[in-house]
Amino acid sequence: MKRLLRVLSVACIAAAPMLLPATAAAQFAKPEDAVKYRQSALTVMSSHFGRIAPVVRGQQPYDAAQVKADVAIVAMMSKLPWSAFGPGTEGGGAKPAVWSDNARFKQGQERLHGDIDKLVAAADTGDLAQVRTAYGAVAASCKACHDNFRNR
């Protein structure tokens, strides 16, 4: 009996990663919950990204530790909103193209994540010039997505 329980435990642990996408979509009881979730995640991400703007523009002194902390939050938050763009969650500020051209929307997500990875690496160096370059790439990714997939 103990052996059977161990085998079942291992099987459940092994199967857990396959259940994560379904769990993420199922976490929203109502479509409005998904909209609020993604808007909240994107708002926090935008807030911390915006804190870096005056630094890269030379309007505030460069505090490498603070920039690194804000970049870390941007990186973490950038992983959250995408599960809330599932079928049946249309609305909010998202254009219908999010769902009708989902492959292009996913490409935008991938581009953003790649650019954020570069921003994380730049922040880790402490070199403001590298942070500026990487910041610009992330800003361009954000703008492209907003232009194509967000109602204003």
C-alpha atoms as a PDB file:
ATOM      1  CA  MET A   1       0.000   0.000   0.000  1.00  0.00           C
ATOM      2  CA  LYS A   2       2.806   2.410   0.874  1.00  0.00           C
ATOM      3  CA  ARG A   3       4.487   1.630  -2.442  1.00  0.00           C
ATOM      4  CA  LEU A   4       1.270   2.380  -4.313  1.00  0.00           C
ATOM      5  CA  LEU A   5       0.938   5.720  -2.526  1.00  0.00           C
ATOM      6  CA  ARG A   6       4.523   6.618  -3.413  1.00  0.00           C
ATOM      7  CA  VAL A   7       3.944   5.721  -7.075  1.00  0.00           C
ATOM      8  CA  LEU A   8       0.750   7.791  -7.133  1.00  0.00           C
ATOM      9  CA  SER A   9       2.514  10.726  -5.451  1.00  0.00           C
ATOM     10  CA  VAL A  10       5.323  10.668  -8.013  1.00  0.00           C
ATOM     11  CA  ALA A  11       2.782  10.424 -10.844  1.00  0.00           C
ATOM     12  CA  CYS A  12       0.858  13.410  -9.497  1.00  0.00           C
ATOM     13  CA  ILE A  13       4.012  15.484  -9.124  1.00  0.00           C
ATOM     14  CA  ALA A  14       5.100  14.562 -12.640  1.00  0.00           C
ATOM     15  CA  ALA A  15       1.696  15.505 -14.077  1.00  0.00           C
ATOM     16  CA  ALA A  16       1.421  18.830 -12.243  1.00  0.00           C
ATOM     17  CA  PRO A  17       3.293  20.944 -14.843  1.00  0.00           C
ATOM     18  CA  MET A  18       0.881  19.774 -17.537  1.00  0.00           C
ATOM     19  CA  LEU A  19      -2.033  21.073 -15.473  1.00  0.00           C
ATOM     20  CA  LEU A  20      -0.635  24.591 -14.999  1.00  0.00           C
ATOM     21  CA  PRO A  21      -1.992  26.150 -18.209  1.00  0.00           C
ATOM     22  CA  ALA A  22      -5.467  24.789 -17.488  1.00  0.00           C
ATOM     23  CA  THR A  23      -5.236  26.037 -13.917  1.00  0.00           C
ATOM     24  CA  ALA A  24      -4.211  29.512 -15.047  1.00  0.00           C
ATOM     25  CA  ALA A  25      -7.220  29.786 -17.348  1.00  0.00           C
ATOM     26  CA  ALA A  26      -9.539  28.305 -14.742  1.00  0.00           C
ATOM     27  CA  GLN A  27      -8.445  30.726 -12.020  1.00  0.00           C
ATOM     28  CA  PHE A  28     -10.865  33.356 -13.278  1.00  0.00           C
ATOM     29  CA  ALA A  29     -14.457  32.738 -12.205  1.00  0.00           C
ATOM     30  CA  LYS A  30     -15.731  35.436 -14.557  1.00  0.00           C
ATOM     31  CA  PRO A  31     -14.295  37.084 -17.681  1.00  0.00           C
ATOM     32  CA  GLU A  32     -14.233  40.396 -15.793  1.00  0.00           C
ATOM     33  CA  ASP A  33     -11.845  38.817 -13.286  1.00  0.00           C
ATOM     34  CA  ALA A  34      -9.411  38.016 -16.094  1.00  0.00           C
ATOM     35  CA  VAL A  35      -9.641  41.576 -17.413  1.00  0.00           C
ATOM     36  CA  LYS A  36      -8.979  43.049 -13.953  1.00  0.00           C
ATOM     37  CA  TYR A  37      -6.075  40.656 -13.384  1.00  0.00           C
ATOM     38  CA  ARG A  38      -4.285  41.445 -16.629  1.00  0.00           C
ATOM     39  CA  GLN A  39      -4.913  45.175 -16.254  1.00  0.00           C
ATOM     40  CA  SER A  40      -3.536  45.110 -12.715  1.00  0.00           C
ATOM     41  CA  ALA A  41      -0.414  43.166 -13.716  1.00  0.00           C
ATOM     42  CA  LEU A  42       0.237  45.476 -16.667  1.00  0.00           C
ATOM     43  CA  THR A  43      -0.328  48.565 -14.495  1.00  0.00           C
ATOM     44  CA  VAL A  44       2.261  47.471 -11.940  1.00  0.00           C
ATOM     45  CA  MET A  45       4.685  46.562 -14.731  1.00  0.00           C
ATOM     46  CA  SER A  46       4.146  49.953 -16.384  1.00  0.00           C
ATOM     47  CA  SER A  47       4.615  51.797 -13.105  1.00  0.00           C
ATOM     48  CA  HIS A  48       8.022  50.262 -12.448  1.00  0.00           C
ATOM     49  CA  PHE A  49       9.069  50.627 -16.084  1.00  0.00           C
ATOM     50  CA  GLY A  50       8.046  54.278 -15.904  1.00  0.00           C
ATOM     51  CA  ARG A  51      10.262  54.839 -12.855  1.00  0.00           C
ATOM     52  CA  ILE A  52      13.271  54.068 -15.032  1.00  0.00           C
ATOM     53  CA  ALA A  53      12.329  56.582 -17.759  1.00  0.00           C
ATOM     54  CA  PRO A  54      13.650  59.752 -16.079  1.00  0.00           C
ATOM     55  CA  VAL A  55      16.908  57.962 -15.314  1.00  0.00           C
ATOM     56  CA  VAL A  56      17.545  56.849 -18.900  1.00  0.00           C
ATOM     57  CA  ARG A  57      16.577  60.346 -20.098  1.00  0.00           C
ATOM     58  CA  GLY A  58      19.127  61.932 -17.750  1.00  0.00           C
ATOM     59  CA  GLN A  59      16.431  63.717 -15.729  1.00  0.00           C
ATOM     60  CA  GLN A  60      17.273  61.867 -12.518  1.00  0.00           C
ATOM     61  CA  PRO A  61      20.552  60.523 -11.188  1.00  0.00           C
ATOM     62  CA  TYR A  62      21.389  56.927 -12.002  1.00  0.00           C
ATOM     63  CA  ASP A  63      20.970  54.658  -8.996  1.00  0.00           C
ATOM     64  CA  ALA A  64      22.015  51.260 -10.323  1.00  0.00           C
ATOM     65  CA  ALA A  65      20.482  49.369  -7.381  1.00  0.00           C
ATOM     66  CA  GLN A  66      17.120  51.093  -7.766  1.00  0.00           C
ATOM     67  CA  VAL A  67      17.051  50.551 -11.533  1.00  0.00           C
ATOM     68  CA  LYS A  68      17.948  46.914 -11.021  1.00  0.00           C
ATOM     69  CA  ALA A  69      15.115  46.536  -8.489  1.00  0.00           C
ATOM     70  CA  ASP A  70      12.586  48.157 -10.843  1.00  0.00           C
ATOM     71  CA  VAL A  71      13.782  46.014 -13.748  1.00  0.00           C
ATOM     72  CA  ALA A  72      13.363  42.887 -11.618  1.00  0.00           C
ATOM     73  CA  ILE A  73       9.746  43.830 -10.901  1.00  0.00           C
ATOM     74  CA  VAL A  74       9.112  44.559 -14.581  1.00  0.00           C
ATOM     75  CA  ALA A  75      10.541  41.148 -15.468  1.00  0.00           C
ATOM     76  CA  MET A  76       8.419  39.353 -12.893  1.00  0.00           C
ATOM     77  CA  MET A  77       5.205  41.194 -13.737  1.00  0.00           C
ATOM     78  CA  SER A  78       5.721  40.673 -17.470  1.00  0.00           C
ATOM     79  CA  LYS A  79       5.096  36.962 -16.987  1.00  0.00           C
ATOM     80  CA  LEU A  80       1.684  37.363 -15.353  1.00  0.00           C
ATOM     81  CA  PRO A  81      -0.936  38.927 -17.631  1.00  0.00           C
ATOM     82  CA  TRP A  82      -0.862  36.509 -20.570  1.00  0.00           C
ATOM     83  CA  SER A  83      -2.925  33.717 -19.012  1.00  0.00           C
ATOM     84  CA  ALA A  84      -5.731  36.253 -18.590  1.00  0.00           C
ATOM     85  CA  PHE A  85      -6.101  36.703 -22.361  1.00  0.00           C
ATOM     86  CA  GLY A  86      -7.833  33.357 -22.829  1.00  0.00           C
ATOM     87  CA  PRO A  87     -10.923  32.633 -24.891  1.00  0.00           C
ATOM     88  CA  GLY A  88     -13.985  34.365 -23.536  1.00  0.00           C
ATOM     89  CA  THR A  89     -12.008  37.131 -21.811  1.00  0.00           C
ATOM     90  CA  GLU A  90     -12.471  39.732 -24.519  1.00  0.00           C
ATOM     91  CA  GLY A  91     -12.892  43.281 -23.337  1.00  0.00           C
ATOM     92  CA  GLY A  92     -11.119  45.815 -21.246  1.00  0.00           C
ATOM     93  CA  GLY A  93      -8.709  47.803 -23.341  1.00  0.00           C
ATOM     94  CA  ALA A  94      -7.799  44.861 -25.562  1.00  0.00           C
ATOM     95  CA  LYS A  95      -8.665  44.985 -29.246  1.00  0.00           C
ATOM     96  CA  PRO A  96     -10.398  41.993 -30.837  1.00  0.00           C
ATOM     97  CA  ALA A  97      -7.125  41.325 -32.700  1.00  0.00           C
ATOM     98  CA  VAL A  98      -5.735  39.777 -29.492  1.00  0.00           C
ATOM     99  CA  TRP A  99      -8.026  36.840 -30.166  1.00  0.00           C
ATOM    100  CA  SER A 100      -8.430  37.006 -33.958  1.00  0.00           C
ATOM    101  CA  ASP A 101      -4.678  37.334 -34.591  1.00  0.00           C
ATOM    102  CA  ASN A 102      -3.475  35.462 -31.533  1.00  0.00           C
ATOM    103  CA  ALA A 103      -0.313  34.147 -33.219  1.00  0.00           C
ATOM    104  CA  ARG A 104       0.883  37.710 -33.805  1.00  0.00           C
ATOM    105  CA  PHE A 105      -0.121  38.646 -30.257  1.00  0.00           C
ATOM    106  CA  LYS A 106       1.985  35.760 -28.913  1.00  0.00           C
ATOM    107  CA  GLN A 107       4.920  36.881 -31.074  1.00  0.00           C
ATOM    108  CA  GLY A 108       4.661  40.285 -29.414  1.00  0.00           C
ATOM    109  CA  GLN A 109       4.766  38.617 -25.991  1.00  0.00           C
ATOM    110  CA  GLU A 110       7.866  36.660 -26.981  1.00  0.00           C
ATOM    111  CA  ARG A 111       9.548  39.797 -28.315  1.00  0.00           C
ATOM    112  CA  LEU A 112       8.752  41.613 -25.072  1.00  0.00           C
ATOM    113  CA  HIS A 113      10.148  38.784 -22.948  1.00  0.00           C
ATOM    114  CA  GLY A 114      13.330  38.672 -25.036  1.00  0.00           C
ATOM    115  CA  ASP A 115      13.789  42.418 -24.725  1.00  0.00           C
ATOM    116  CA  ILE A 116      13.123  42.323 -20.987  1.00  0.00           C
ATOM    117  CA  ASP A 117      15.733  39.569 -20.606  1.00  0.00           C
ATOM    118  CA  LYS A 118      18.215  41.936 -22.269  1.00  0.00           C
ATOM    119  CA  LEU A 119      17.152  44.749 -19.931  1.00  0.00           C
ATOM    120  CA  VAL A 120      17.728  42.485 -16.928  1.00  0.00           C
ATOM    121  CA  ALA A 121      21.201  41.648 -18.244  1.00  0.00           C
ATOM    122  CA  ALA A 122      21.945  45.336 -18.849  1.00  0.00           C
ATOM    123  CA  ALA A 123      20.784  46.293 -15.347  1.00  0.00           C
ATOM    124  CA  ASP A 124      23.018  43.552 -13.931  1.00  0.00           C
ATOM    125  CA  THR A 125      26.075  45.204 -15.538  1.00  0.00           C
ATOM    126  CA  GLY A 126      25.388  48.541 -13.852  1.00  0.00           C
ATOM    127  CA  ASP A 127      26.255  50.296 -17.129  1.00  0.00           C
ATOM    128  CA  LEU A 128      23.751  53.078 -17.804  1.00  0.00           C
ATOM    129  CA  ALA A 129      24.500  53.090 -21.552  1.00  0.00           C
ATOM    130  CA  GLN A 130      23.504  49.421 -21.782  1.00  0.00           C
ATOM    131  CA  VAL A 131      20.398  50.070 -19.685  1.00  0.00           C
ATOM    132  CA  ARG A 132      19.395  52.928 -22.022  1.00  0.00           C
ATOM    133  CA  THR A 133      19.718  50.737 -25.105  1.00  0.00           C
ATOM    134  CA  ALA A 134      17.815  47.834 -23.588  1.00  0.00           C
ATOM    135  CA  TYR A 135      15.174  50.158 -22.136  1.00  0.00           C
ATOM    136  CA  GLY A 136      14.533  51.561 -25.611  1.00  0.00           C
ATOM    137  CA  ALA A 137      14.009  48.071 -27.021  1.00  0.00           C
ATOM    138  CA  VAL A 138      11.483  47.198 -24.294  1.00  0.00           C
ATOM    139  CA  ALA A 139       9.676  50.496 -24.860  1.00  0.00           C
ATOM    140  CA  ALA A 140       9.464  49.697 -28.583  1.00  0.00           C
ATOM    141  CA  SER A 141       8.023  46.252 -27.801  1.00  0.00           C
ATOM    142  CA  CYS A 142       5.420  47.798 -25.513  1.00  0.00           C
ATOM    143  CA  LYS A 143       4.506  50.415 -28.117  1.00  0.00           C
ATOM    144  CA  ALA A 144       4.146  47.829 -30.888  1.00  0.00           C
ATOM    145  CA  CYS A 145       1.766  45.782 -28.773  1.00  0.00           C
ATOM    146  CA  HIS A 146      -0.233  48.833 -27.723  1.00  0.00           C
ATOM    147  CA  ASP A 147      -0.484  50.030 -31.317  1.00  0.00           C
ATOM    148  CA  ASN A 148      -1.730  46.667 -32.555  1.00  0.00           C
ATOM    149  CA  PHE A 149      -3.667  45.226 -29.647  1.00  0.00           C
ATOM    150  CA  ARG A 150      -4.827  47.966 -27.262  1.00  0.00           C
ATOM    151  CA  ASN A 151      -7.744  50.363 -27.590  1.00  0.00           C
ATOM    152  CA  ARG A 152      -7.067  53.891 -26.450  1.00  0.00           C
END
